[in-house]
Amino acid sequence: MSIFSINIKKHLIRILVFGSILILWQFLANQEIWPEYLLPALSSVIETMIDQIQQGTLFNAIIVSTQRLLVGFTIASSLGFVIGMLLALLPTADEAFSPFILALQSVPSVVWLPLALLWFSLGEQAIIAVIILGATWNMVSTTTSGLKNIDPTYLKAARTLGASKLSVFRKVMLPASVPHLITGLRFSWAFSWRALMAGELIGGGSGLGQMLMWGRDMGNMSLVIGIIAIIGAFGFISDNYIFKNIEDLVLKRWGYKGE
């Protein structure tokens, strides 16, 4: 069976499962097993989201959230790469700081929000700060691990051929660590997305998180469920169909994964 056939089968199974869940949801809602304010029917959610699209509020919120996500992700990834690179090249610094990096990596993104609010008050900067603080440390760990776990044979061969330390880093270490860096970017994106939602839920400003909070405050559960679905769909699509594909291509190119 070809890979193309396997992928079609995989997607068909996903569509069938997802479609079955939606049909069951609508059917149970029509039976009025639970109150509408607890979990509205699928048709009600769709009507609400269509209304938001017609008003333009949904697209505006998506644009605002995406801009924040890209800014925070870019800064967090760049900062994480630089710190991770320094730790990998300086063993003493790695020994001293790696426990703290691991501790910071385990801190949930929402925990950074009070600190960000104290530093930047309520607004755009606080949300960006939460993204950076929530996504940087995973990139640091991945970069450090990728640079430290390069096959020593490559390094010995380069030094034997007379390569300088800078050349070894540029032409051996960096290329060999690319698969790890791509994986780090993938997870950093996921952490950035979660941190963004945490920041927008409490940090103010327009965006998907604020639409979610507005729906809750107004008792509009159809809007709440719709925004949750969009957040989940955005995360699923970006991870599975963008970063996952890039990661697979890199792993195949480097020989870590078969065709």
Protein backbone atom coordinates (compact mmCIF):
# COMPACT_ATOMS: atom_id res chain seq x y z
CA MET A 1 0.00 0.00 0.00
CA SER A 2 1.45 3.38 -1.01
CA ILE A 3 2.01 6.28 1.36
CA PHE A 4 -0.58 8.28 -0.62
CA SER A 5 -3.22 5.60 0.00
CA ILE A 6 -2.32 5.44 3.69
CA ASN A 7 -2.68 9.22 4.03
CA ILE A 8 -6.09 9.19 2.31
CA LYS A 9 -7.26 6.43 4.63
CA LYS A 10 -5.98 8.31 7.67
CA HIS A 11 -7.80 11.49 6.68
CA LEU A 12 -11.01 9.63 5.87
CA ILE A 13 -10.98 8.02 9.31
CA ARG A 14 -10.49 11.43 10.92
CA ILE A 15 -13.33 12.94 8.91
CA LEU A 16 -15.68 10.06 9.77
CA VAL A 17 -14.89 10.24 13.48
CA PHE A 18 -15.22 14.02 13.56
CA GLY A 19 -18.43 13.96 11.53
CA SER A 20 -19.93 11.29 13.79
CA ILE A 21 -19.18 13.39 16.87
CA LEU A 22 -20.88 16.44 15.32
CA ILE A 23 -23.97 14.42 14.30
CA LEU A 24 -24.23 12.89 17.77
CA TRP A 25 -23.85 16.34 19.34
CA GLN A 26 -26.69 17.79 17.26
CA PHE A 27 -28.90 14.76 17.88
CA LEU A 28 -28.47 14.85 21.66
CA ALA A 29 -29.01 18.63 21.73
CA ASN A 30 -32.29 18.19 19.84
CA GLN A 31 -33.46 15.78 22.57
CA GLU A 32 -33.07 18.61 25.12
CA ILE A 33 -31.16 16.35 27.50
CA TRP A 34 -29.33 19.39 28.90
CA PRO A 35 -30.17 23.12 29.05
CA GLU A 36 -29.17 25.26 26.06
CA TYR A 37 -26.98 27.50 28.23
CA LEU A 38 -24.77 24.56 29.23
CA LEU A 39 -24.04 23.24 25.74
CA PRO A 40 -25.85 24.75 22.74
CA ALA A 41 -26.70 22.74 19.65
CA LEU A 42 -24.24 22.59 16.76
CA SER A 43 -26.69 24.52 14.55
CA SER A 44 -26.81 27.34 17.12
CA VAL A 45 -23.00 27.53 17.23
CA ILE A 46 -22.79 27.67 13.43
CA GLU A 47 -25.43 30.43 13.27
CA THR A 48 -23.57 32.47 15.88
CA MET A 49 -20.22 32.15 14.11
CA ILE A 50 -21.78 33.09 10.75
CA ASP A 51 -23.18 36.19 12.43
CA GLN A 52 -19.72 37.05 13.80
CA ILE A 53 -18.21 36.60 10.33
CA GLN A 54 -20.82 38.91 8.77
CA GLN A 55 -20.12 41.55 11.40
CA GLY A 56 -16.37 41.26 10.76
CA THR A 57 -15.53 40.80 14.43
CA LEU A 58 -14.28 37.23 14.02
CA PHE A 59 -11.82 38.04 11.22
CA ASN A 60 -10.56 41.06 13.13
CA ALA A 61 -9.97 38.94 16.24
CA ILE A 62 -8.14 36.27 14.21
CA ILE A 63 -5.90 38.90 12.59
CA VAL A 64 -5.06 40.52 15.94
CA SER A 65 -4.29 37.17 17.59
CA THR A 66 -2.19 36.00 14.64
CA GLN A 67 -0.11 39.18 14.68
CA ARG A 68 0.56 38.79 18.39
CA LEU A 69 1.40 35.12 17.91
CA LEU A 70 3.90 35.78 15.11
CA VAL A 71 5.65 38.57 17.02
CA GLY A 72 5.88 36.59 20.26
CA PHE A 73 6.88 33.35 18.51
CA THR A 74 9.63 35.08 16.50
CA ILE A 75 11.14 36.76 19.55
CA ALA A 76 10.83 33.64 21.74
CA SER A 77 12.36 31.34 19.11
CA SER A 78 15.24 33.72 18.36
CA LEU A 79 15.96 34.34 22.02
CA GLY A 80 15.69 30.64 22.83
CA PHE A 81 18.05 29.72 20.02
CA VAL A 82 20.71 32.23 21.13
CA ILE A 83 20.53 31.17 24.80
CA GLY A 84 20.51 27.48 23.88
CA MET A 85 23.49 27.94 21.57
CA LEU A 86 25.50 29.71 24.30
CA LEU A 87 24.69 26.98 26.82
CA ALA A 88 25.73 24.26 24.35
CA LEU A 89 29.05 25.99 23.61
CA LEU A 90 29.80 26.85 27.24
CA PRO A 91 29.61 23.65 29.34
CA THR A 92 30.13 25.54 32.62
CA ALA A 93 27.20 27.83 31.88
CA ASP A 94 25.09 24.83 30.89
CA GLU A 95 25.85 23.10 34.20
CA ALA A 96 24.96 26.23 36.13
CA PHE A 97 21.78 27.27 34.31
CA SER A 98 20.22 24.09 32.88
CA PRO A 99 18.31 23.25 36.11
CA PHE A 100 16.76 26.73 36.09
CA ILE A 101 15.85 26.43 32.40
CA LEU A 102 14.08 23.14 33.09
CA ALA A 103 12.25 24.72 36.03
CA LEU A 104 11.12 27.68 33.90
CA GLN A 105 10.03 25.31 31.14
CA SER A 106 7.61 23.59 33.52
CA VAL A 107 5.91 26.85 34.56
CA PRO A 108 2.45 27.21 32.90
CA SER A 109 2.10 30.25 30.65
CA VAL A 110 -0.76 31.76 32.65
CA VAL A 111 1.55 32.00 35.70
CA TRP A 112 3.60 34.65 33.88
CA LEU A 113 0.60 36.92 33.38
CA PRO A 114 0.64 38.69 36.79
CA LEU A 115 4.35 39.44 36.32
CA ALA A 116 3.77 40.72 32.78
CA LEU A 117 0.91 42.93 33.98
CA LEU A 118 3.14 44.43 36.68
CA TRP A 119 5.88 45.15 34.15
CA PHE A 120 3.81 46.40 31.22
CA SER A 121 0.29 46.99 32.66
CA LEU A 122 -2.82 45.86 30.79
CA GLY A 123 -2.33 45.77 27.03
CA GLU A 124 -0.41 44.54 24.01
CA GLN A 125 3.05 44.45 25.56
CA ALA A 126 1.88 42.30 28.47
CA ILE A 127 0.38 39.70 26.11
CA ILE A 128 3.56 39.59 23.98
CA ALA A 129 5.62 39.23 27.17
CA VAL A 130 3.52 36.24 28.27
CA ILE A 131 4.12 34.57 24.89
CA ILE A 132 7.87 35.15 25.12
CA LEU A 133 8.13 33.93 28.70
CA GLY A 134 5.97 30.90 27.94
CA ALA A 135 7.68 29.77 24.72
CA THR A 136 11.37 30.65 25.08
CA TRP A 137 12.53 27.95 27.47
CA ASN A 138 11.43 24.99 25.37
CA MET A 139 13.45 26.38 22.44
CA VAL A 140 16.44 26.81 24.75
CA SER A 141 16.33 23.16 25.85
CA THR A 142 15.83 21.83 22.31
CA THR A 143 18.67 23.92 20.88
CA THR A 144 21.05 22.93 23.65
CA SER A 145 20.16 19.26 23.27
CA GLY A 146 20.52 19.39 19.49
CA LEU A 147 23.97 20.98 19.58
CA LYS A 148 25.27 18.78 22.40
CA ASN A 149 24.14 15.47 20.89
CA ILE A 150 25.87 15.72 17.53
CA ASP A 151 27.78 12.60 16.49
CA PRO A 152 31.38 13.17 17.77
CA THR A 153 32.69 11.54 14.58
CA TYR A 154 31.59 14.57 12.57
CA LEU A 155 33.40 16.96 14.90
CA LYS A 156 36.60 14.86 14.97
CA ALA A 157 36.62 14.58 11.18
CA ALA A 158 36.23 18.35 10.75
CA ARG A 159 39.01 19.10 13.23
CA THR A 160 41.29 16.52 11.62
CA LEU A 161 40.81 18.29 8.29
CA GLY A 162 41.95 21.52 9.92
CA ALA A 163 38.62 23.30 10.35
CA SER A 164 38.62 26.18 12.81
CA LYS A 165 36.20 26.29 15.75
CA LEU A 166 34.01 28.79 13.91
CA SER A 167 33.97 26.61 10.78
CA VAL A 168 33.10 23.53 12.83
CA PHE A 169 30.18 25.40 14.36
CA ARG A 170 28.93 26.88 11.08
CA LYS A 171 29.47 23.93 8.76
CA VAL A 172 29.08 20.94 11.07
CA MET A 173 27.25 21.69 14.30
CA LEU A 174 24.50 23.94 12.95
CA PRO A 175 23.57 21.75 9.95
CA ALA A 176 23.64 18.58 12.08
CA SER A 177 21.35 20.15 14.68
CA VAL A 178 18.71 21.36 12.18
CA PRO A 179 16.28 18.44 12.84
CA HIS A 180 16.34 19.27 16.56
CA LEU A 181 15.86 22.97 15.83
CA ILE A 182 12.83 22.30 13.63
CA THR A 183 11.30 20.18 16.38
CA GLY A 184 12.04 22.98 18.83
CA LEU A 185 10.28 25.49 16.59
CA ARG A 186 7.27 23.19 16.34
CA PHE A 187 6.92 22.93 20.11
CA SER A 188 7.74 26.60 20.58
CA TRP A 189 4.83 27.44 18.24
CA ALA A 190 2.49 25.27 20.33
CA PHE A 191 3.64 26.91 23.57
CA SER A 192 3.30 30.36 21.97
CA TRP A 193 -0.30 29.59 20.96
CA ARG A 194 -1.19 28.46 24.49
CA ALA A 195 0.55 31.47 26.03
CA LEU A 196 -1.30 33.80 23.66
CA MET A 197 -4.67 32.44 24.76
CA ALA A 198 -3.66 32.74 28.42
CA GLY A 199 -2.61 36.35 27.87
CA GLU A 200 -5.70 37.35 25.90
CA LEU A 201 -8.09 35.75 28.37
CA ILE A 202 -6.99 38.09 31.15
CA GLY A 203 -4.63 40.60 29.61
CA GLY A 204 -7.17 42.71 27.74
CA GLY A 205 -7.20 43.89 24.14
CA SER A 206 -9.10 42.42 21.21
CA GLY A 207 -8.42 38.90 19.96
CA LEU A 208 -9.85 35.41 20.13
CA GLY A 209 -9.23 35.15 23.86
CA GLN A 210 -11.12 38.36 24.52
CA MET A 211 -14.01 37.19 22.31
CA LEU A 212 -14.12 34.05 24.42
CA MET A 213 -14.29 36.08 27.62
CA TRP A 214 -16.93 38.41 26.14
CA GLY A 215 -19.06 35.40 25.21
CA ARG A 216 -18.77 34.08 28.76
CA ASP A 217 -19.67 37.44 30.31
CA MET A 218 -22.72 37.77 28.02
CA GLY A 219 -23.81 34.18 28.68
CA ASN A 220 -23.42 33.44 24.96
CA MET A 221 -22.34 29.80 25.08
CA SER A 222 -22.68 29.42 21.32
CA LEU A 223 -19.94 32.03 20.88
CA VAL A 224 -17.80 30.41 23.59
CA ILE A 225 -18.02 26.98 21.96
CA GLY A 226 -17.40 28.48 18.51
CA ILE A 227 -14.25 30.31 19.61
CA ILE A 228 -12.97 27.20 21.38
CA ALA A 229 -13.49 25.24 18.15
CA ILE A 230 -11.60 27.87 16.13
CA ILE A 231 -8.71 27.90 18.61
CA GLY A 232 -8.50 24.11 18.50
CA ALA A 233 -8.74 24.01 14.69
CA PHE A 234 -6.04 26.66 14.30
CA GLY A 235 -3.68 24.75 16.59
CA PHE A 236 -4.42 21.42 14.91
CA ILE A 237 -3.95 22.70 11.36
CA SER A 238 -0.77 24.67 12.08
CA ASP A 239 0.85 21.78 13.93
CA ASN A 240 -0.23 18.83 11.77
CA TYR A 241 -0.21 20.40 8.32
CA ILE A 242 2.52 23.02 8.54
CA PHE A 243 5.13 22.28 11.18
CA LYS A 244 4.69 18.50 11.03
CA ASN A 245 5.22 18.51 7.25
CA ILE A 246 8.29 20.74 7.57
CA GLU A 247 9.67 18.47 10.29
CA ASP A 248 9.07 15.35 8.16
CA LEU A 249 10.81 16.92 5.16
CA VAL A 250 13.84 17.85 7.26
CA LEU A 251 14.02 14.41 8.89
CA LYS A 252 13.87 12.75 5.47
CA ARG A 253 16.50 15.11 4.11
CA TRP A 254 18.82 14.31 7.02
CA GLY A 255 18.14 10.58 6.77
CA TYR A 256 16.35 10.22 10.11
CA LYS A 257 13.09 9.12 8.47
CA GLY A 258 12.36 6.87 5.48
CA GLU A 259 10.54 7.98 2.36
